[in-house]
Amino acid sequence: MSEKKKQENQVPEEIDTHYQRFGKHAWEVEYGERCPFCEKKIDEFGYCACGSAQ
């Protein structure tokens, strides 16, 4: 992602709850397999949309 695009999408740190919770921005998270229950992708932290992949 270009530096200009990152700046346009940047959420101020004081309200960026994703960064506060996980230590990285939402667009930096990598995804892998799909959850067998909800069919959503499981992220690098082991979470999916329904929480059952954890």
Protein backbone atom coordinates (compact mmCIF):
# COMPACT_ATOMS: atom_id res chain seq x y z
CA MET A 1 0.00 0.00 0.00
CA SER A 2 1.39 3.39 -0.91
CA GLU A 3 2.31 5.86 1.80
CA LYS A 4 -0.37 8.30 0.56
CA LYS A 5 -3.05 5.59 0.73
CA LYS A 6 -1.97 4.68 4.28
CA GLN A 7 -2.29 8.30 5.36
CA GLU A 8 -5.77 8.57 3.83
CA ASN A 9 -6.95 5.45 5.68
CA GLN A 10 -5.22 6.21 8.96
CA VAL A 11 -7.41 6.23 12.02
CA PRO A 12 -6.24 8.52 14.85
CA GLU A 13 -4.44 6.41 17.49
CA GLU A 14 -6.69 7.56 20.33
CA ILE A 15 -9.76 6.00 18.66
CA ASP A 16 -8.10 3.12 16.78
CA THR A 17 -9.36 0.30 19.00
CA HIS A 18 -8.04 -2.39 16.65
CA TYR A 19 -4.49 -1.07 17.01
CA GLN A 20 -4.89 -0.65 20.77
CA ARG A 21 -6.12 -4.22 21.17
CA PHE A 22 -3.96 -6.12 18.68
CA GLY A 23 -0.90 -3.90 18.15
CA LYS A 24 -1.40 -3.52 14.41
CA HIS A 25 -3.81 -1.84 12.04
CA ALA A 26 -6.71 -3.78 10.54
CA TRP A 27 -5.23 -3.68 7.05
CA GLU A 28 -2.01 -5.31 8.32
CA VAL A 29 -3.69 -8.50 9.58
CA GLU A 30 -3.04 -11.65 7.56
CA TYR A 31 -5.76 -14.26 7.01
CA GLY A 32 -5.59 -17.98 6.37
CA GLU A 33 -8.11 -20.81 6.39
CA ARG A 34 -11.87 -20.46 6.62
CA CYS A 35 -13.86 -21.31 9.74
CA PRO A 36 -15.82 -24.57 9.35
CA PHE A 37 -18.83 -23.00 11.12
CA CYS A 38 -19.21 -19.45 9.77
CA GLU A 39 -17.12 -19.76 6.56
CA LYS A 40 -15.25 -16.50 7.35
CA LYS A 41 -11.47 -16.35 7.17
CA ILE A 42 -9.48 -17.03 10.34
CA ASP A 43 -6.95 -14.31 11.09
CA GLU A 44 -3.37 -14.72 12.31
CA PHE A 45 -4.58 -14.42 15.91
CA GLY A 46 -6.92 -17.40 15.51
CA TYR A 47 -10.17 -15.40 15.41
CA CYS A 48 -13.05 -15.61 12.97
CA ALA A 49 -16.40 -13.80 12.76
CA CYS A 50 -18.29 -16.20 15.04
CA GLY A 51 -15.46 -16.87 17.51
CA SER A 52 -15.64 -20.64 17.22
CA ALA A 53 -12.29 -20.95 15.42
CA GLN A 54 -10.51 -19.86 18.58
